[in-house]
Amino acid sequence: MASPEIVIVDYHKGNLLSVARSLSGIGGGVEISDDPGTIASAAGIICPGVGSFEDATTYMRTSGEADAIVRAIQSGIPFLGICLGMQILFERGHEHSGSRTWGDGWIPGLGVLKGSVTKLESKRLKVPHVGWDQVHFTEQGRMCPLFVDVAEGANVYFTHSYALADDVDSQVVCSYTHYTRSFPSSVWSDNVFGVQFHPEKSSATGLTVMSNFLHIVRG
């Protein structure tokens, strides 16, 4: 059996169908899977984002998905993390599901990239941050193949209460978005891409991002 073109990681929380429909609509070969072997054999991997940092990382570790993702990334397979799917790439997060107590308050991520994920805090603005907002590109973002033909200040759709903190390496940050604080809203390091927004809900701009990832996978 041929290996799938793009596998969408099923950690039993993610918004899978809308991501799959978005990719299928632009001609991508898509498979949704929670099988570590299938994930590791894909030409490209997308990890979608719904649920808590703790729930997602706990399931991924116990199921073997975490090891499969890390091995795939290390072997050069293109990876796109969406929202929580981007956050789990980092070293640690503060989002708990309430299922257990952590001594220092931090939950370990996959550690592919350095930095933390913390809660958005504001007395004036509503949290979670839900709706359309802008991405402002860094020099890294202007060079990133994921954002070819995406305009500076483009509006994309967000829904999240946690975001990357300022301890993330600025050299991997592709864009910032300003809501309660200026947080990194996309990242890129070699074959690893991540977006805090939801391209599958971001109209024409989101389709451009998904199409660019498909081109990256196809080399």
Protein backbone atom coordinates (compact mmCIF):
# COMPACT_ATOMS: atom_id res chain seq x y z
CA MET A 1 0.00 0.00 0.00
CA ALA A 2 1.32 3.43 -0.95
CA SER A 3 2.22 5.84 1.83
CA PRO A 4 -0.25 8.71 2.29
CA GLU A 5 0.61 12.13 0.93
CA ILE A 6 -0.49 14.10 4.00
CA VAL A 7 -1.56 12.57 7.31
CA ILE A 8 -3.70 14.60 9.69
CA VAL A 9 -2.81 13.49 13.20
CA ASP A 10 -5.82 12.24 15.14
CA TYR A 11 -5.21 12.69 18.86
CA HIS A 12 -8.93 12.34 19.49
CA LYS A 13 -9.39 16.07 20.11
CA GLY A 14 -8.49 17.89 16.90
CA ASN A 15 -10.71 19.65 14.38
CA LEU A 16 -10.00 17.04 11.74
CA LEU A 17 -12.73 17.16 9.12
CA SER A 18 -12.52 20.84 8.27
CA VAL A 19 -8.75 20.54 7.80
CA ALA A 20 -9.20 17.43 5.65
CA ARG A 21 -11.88 19.12 3.52
CA SER A 22 -9.67 22.16 3.02
CA LEU A 23 -6.79 20.01 1.76
CA SER A 24 -8.99 17.79 -0.39
CA GLY A 25 -10.50 20.86 -1.98
CA ILE A 26 -7.11 21.92 -3.34
CA GLY A 27 -6.20 18.44 -4.58
CA GLY A 28 -4.26 17.08 -1.64
CA GLY A 29 -4.20 13.38 -0.85
CA VAL A 30 -5.31 13.20 2.79
CA GLU A 31 -5.60 10.52 5.45
CA ILE A 32 -6.70 10.98 9.05
CA SER A 33 -4.88 8.59 11.36
CA ASP A 34 -3.93 7.89 14.97
CA ASP A 35 -1.53 5.11 13.95
CA PRO A 36 2.13 6.00 14.65
CA GLY A 37 3.35 3.92 11.70
CA THR A 38 1.04 5.70 9.27
CA ILE A 39 2.06 9.09 10.66
CA ALA A 40 5.77 8.29 10.33
CA SER A 41 5.40 7.11 6.72
CA ALA A 42 3.57 10.20 5.43
CA ALA A 43 5.09 12.63 2.95
CA GLY A 44 3.72 15.48 5.09
CA ILE A 45 2.05 15.80 8.49
CA ILE A 46 -0.53 18.23 9.82
CA CYS A 47 -1.38 18.39 13.51
CA PRO A 48 -4.65 20.30 14.02
CA GLY A 49 -5.60 22.18 17.14
CA VAL A 50 -8.54 21.72 19.45
CA GLY A 51 -8.37 20.73 23.13
CA SER A 52 -5.93 21.36 25.96
CA PHE A 53 -2.12 21.17 25.92
CA GLU A 54 -2.20 18.57 28.69
CA ASP A 55 -4.77 16.29 27.05
CA ALA A 56 -3.07 16.40 23.66
CA THR A 57 0.47 15.72 24.86
CA THR A 58 -0.64 13.01 27.29
CA TYR A 59 -2.51 11.12 24.58
CA MET A 60 0.31 11.55 22.06
CA ARG A 61 2.89 10.14 24.45
CA THR A 62 0.83 7.14 25.55
CA SER A 63 -0.26 6.30 21.98
CA GLY A 64 3.20 6.58 20.42
CA GLU A 65 2.17 9.50 18.22
CA ALA A 66 4.66 11.85 19.91
CA ASP A 67 7.65 9.63 19.07
CA ALA A 68 6.39 9.16 15.50
CA ILE A 69 6.05 12.92 14.99
CA VAL A 70 9.48 13.69 16.40
CA ARG A 71 11.11 10.97 14.29
CA ALA A 72 9.34 12.21 11.17
CA ILE A 73 10.45 15.79 11.81
CA GLN A 74 14.02 14.67 12.42
CA SER A 75 13.97 12.79 9.10
CA GLY A 76 12.93 15.95 7.24
CA ILE A 77 9.23 15.34 6.66
CA PRO A 78 7.32 18.66 6.39
CA PHE A 79 5.17 19.29 9.45
CA LEU A 80 2.45 21.91 9.94
CA GLY A 81 1.03 22.52 13.42
CA ILE A 82 -2.23 24.45 13.66
CA CYS A 83 -3.14 26.32 16.89
CA LEU A 84 -2.61 23.73 19.67
CA GLY A 85 -0.82 21.60 17.07
CA MET A 86 1.83 24.31 16.91
CA GLN A 87 1.96 24.91 20.67
CA ILE A 88 2.79 21.29 21.51
CA LEU A 89 5.99 21.55 19.45
CA PHE A 90 7.49 23.71 22.20
CA GLU A 91 9.13 22.73 25.47
CA ARG A 92 6.32 23.41 27.90
CA GLY A 93 2.80 24.77 28.34
CA HIS A 94 0.58 25.99 31.15
CA GLU A 95 -2.78 24.73 29.89
CA HIS A 96 -4.19 22.07 32.20
CA SER A 97 -7.20 19.83 31.74
CA GLY A 98 -7.54 19.32 35.50
CA SER A 99 -6.85 15.60 35.28
CA ARG A 100 -3.73 15.74 37.45
CA THR A 101 -1.54 18.07 39.49
CA TRP A 102 1.81 19.30 38.18
CA GLY A 103 4.28 20.44 40.81
CA ASP A 104 5.67 23.44 38.96
CA GLY A 105 2.58 24.18 36.89
CA TRP A 106 4.28 23.35 33.58
CA ILE A 107 3.33 20.50 31.27
CA PRO A 108 6.12 19.19 29.00
CA GLY A 109 5.63 19.56 25.26
CA LEU A 110 7.42 17.70 22.48
CA GLY A 111 10.48 19.93 22.74
CA VAL A 112 11.02 20.26 18.99
CA LEU A 113 11.34 24.03 19.41
CA LYS A 114 12.46 26.07 22.41
CA GLY A 115 10.03 28.16 24.43
CA SER A 116 6.80 28.18 26.40
CA VAL A 117 3.05 28.54 25.96
CA THR A 118 1.21 30.80 28.41
CA LYS A 119 -2.30 32.14 28.91
CA LEU A 120 -3.44 35.39 27.35
CA GLU A 121 -4.30 37.80 30.17
CA SER A 122 -6.33 41.02 29.99
CA LYS A 123 -8.73 43.05 32.11
CA ARG A 124 -9.97 44.91 29.05
CA LEU A 125 -10.11 42.41 26.19
CA LYS A 126 -12.05 39.16 26.11
CA VAL A 127 -10.19 35.89 26.46
CA PRO A 128 -10.39 33.54 24.60
CA HIS A 129 -9.25 35.51 21.58
CA VAL A 130 -11.89 34.59 18.99
CA GLY A 131 -12.33 36.08 15.54
CA TRP A 132 -10.43 37.73 12.72
CA ASP A 133 -7.11 39.42 13.41
CA GLN A 134 -3.98 40.40 11.54
CA VAL A 135 -0.59 38.76 11.08
CA HIS A 136 2.42 41.07 10.86
CA PHE A 137 5.39 39.39 9.23
CA THR A 138 8.98 39.38 10.40
CA GLU A 139 11.91 39.02 8.01
CA GLN A 140 11.68 35.27 8.64
CA GLY A 141 8.02 35.35 7.66
CA ARG A 142 8.68 37.23 4.45
CA MET A 143 11.08 34.44 3.42
CA CYS A 144 8.84 31.58 4.57
CA PRO A 145 7.46 29.34 1.79
CA LEU A 146 4.25 28.83 3.79
CA PHE A 147 3.35 32.50 3.27
CA VAL A 148 4.00 32.97 -0.44
CA ASP A 149 1.30 35.33 -1.79
CA VAL A 150 0.01 36.13 1.73
CA ALA A 151 -0.08 39.89 2.27
CA GLU A 152 1.39 41.73 5.24
CA GLY A 153 -1.40 42.40 7.72
CA ALA A 154 -3.63 39.69 6.25
CA ASN A 155 -6.70 38.84 8.32
CA VAL A 156 -6.95 35.26 9.56
CA TYR A 157 -9.19 33.48 12.05
CA PHE A 158 -8.14 32.80 15.65
CA THR A 159 -9.73 30.96 18.54
CA HIS A 160 -7.42 30.41 21.54
CA SER A 161 -6.73 31.35 25.16
CA TYR A 162 -3.02 30.43 25.17
CA ALA A 163 -0.19 31.64 22.98
CA LEU A 164 3.57 31.43 22.57
CA ALA A 165 5.51 33.39 25.18
CA ASP A 166 8.39 35.81 24.68
CA ASP A 167 11.00 33.13 25.45
CA VAL A 168 10.47 31.67 21.96
CA ASP A 169 13.54 32.14 19.74
CA SER A 170 12.83 35.24 17.64
CA GLN A 171 14.73 33.69 14.71
CA VAL A 172 11.93 31.14 14.14
CA VAL A 173 9.07 33.65 14.47
CA CYS A 174 7.39 34.43 11.14
CA SER A 175 4.68 36.79 12.38
CA TYR A 176 3.26 38.52 15.41
CA THR A 177 -0.34 39.29 16.25
CA HIS A 178 -1.34 41.94 18.78
CA TYR A 179 -4.08 40.91 21.24
CA THR A 180 -3.60 41.35 25.01
CA ARG A 181 0.11 41.19 24.10
CA SER A 182 2.23 40.77 20.98
CA PHE A 183 2.50 37.00 20.57
CA PRO A 184 4.18 34.91 17.85
CA SER A 185 1.37 33.82 15.54
CA SER A 186 3.46 31.69 13.17
CA VAL A 187 6.86 29.96 13.23
CA TRP A 188 9.20 28.23 10.82
CA SER A 189 12.34 26.17 11.37
CA ASP A 190 13.61 24.01 8.49
CA ASN A 191 10.79 21.54 7.74
CA VAL A 192 8.68 22.61 10.75
CA PHE A 193 5.89 25.15 10.30
CA GLY A 194 3.33 26.35 12.81
CA VAL A 195 0.42 28.80 12.85
CA GLN A 196 -1.64 29.96 15.81
CA PHE A 197 -4.57 30.83 13.54
CA HIS A 198 -6.81 28.35 11.73
CA PRO A 199 -6.10 28.35 7.97
CA GLU A 200 -9.04 25.99 7.40
CA LYS A 201 -11.32 28.78 8.70
CA SER A 202 -9.46 31.72 7.16
CA SER A 203 -11.14 32.00 3.76
CA ALA A 204 -8.93 32.68 0.71
CA THR A 205 -5.87 33.52 2.81
CA GLY A 206 -6.15 30.21 4.63
CA LEU A 207 -6.49 28.30 1.38
CA THR A 208 -3.31 29.98 0.15
CA VAL A 209 -1.48 28.81 3.27
CA MET A 210 -2.78 25.25 2.85
CA SER A 211 -1.91 25.26 -0.83
CA ASN A 212 1.61 26.46 -0.02
CA PHE A 213 2.05 23.62 2.47
CA LEU A 214 0.92 21.14 -0.18
CA HIS A 215 3.55 22.56 -2.55
CA ILE A 216 6.18 22.20 0.20
CA VAL A 217 5.24 18.54 0.71
CA ARG A 218 5.46 17.91 -3.03
CA GLY A 219 8.89 19.52 -3.14
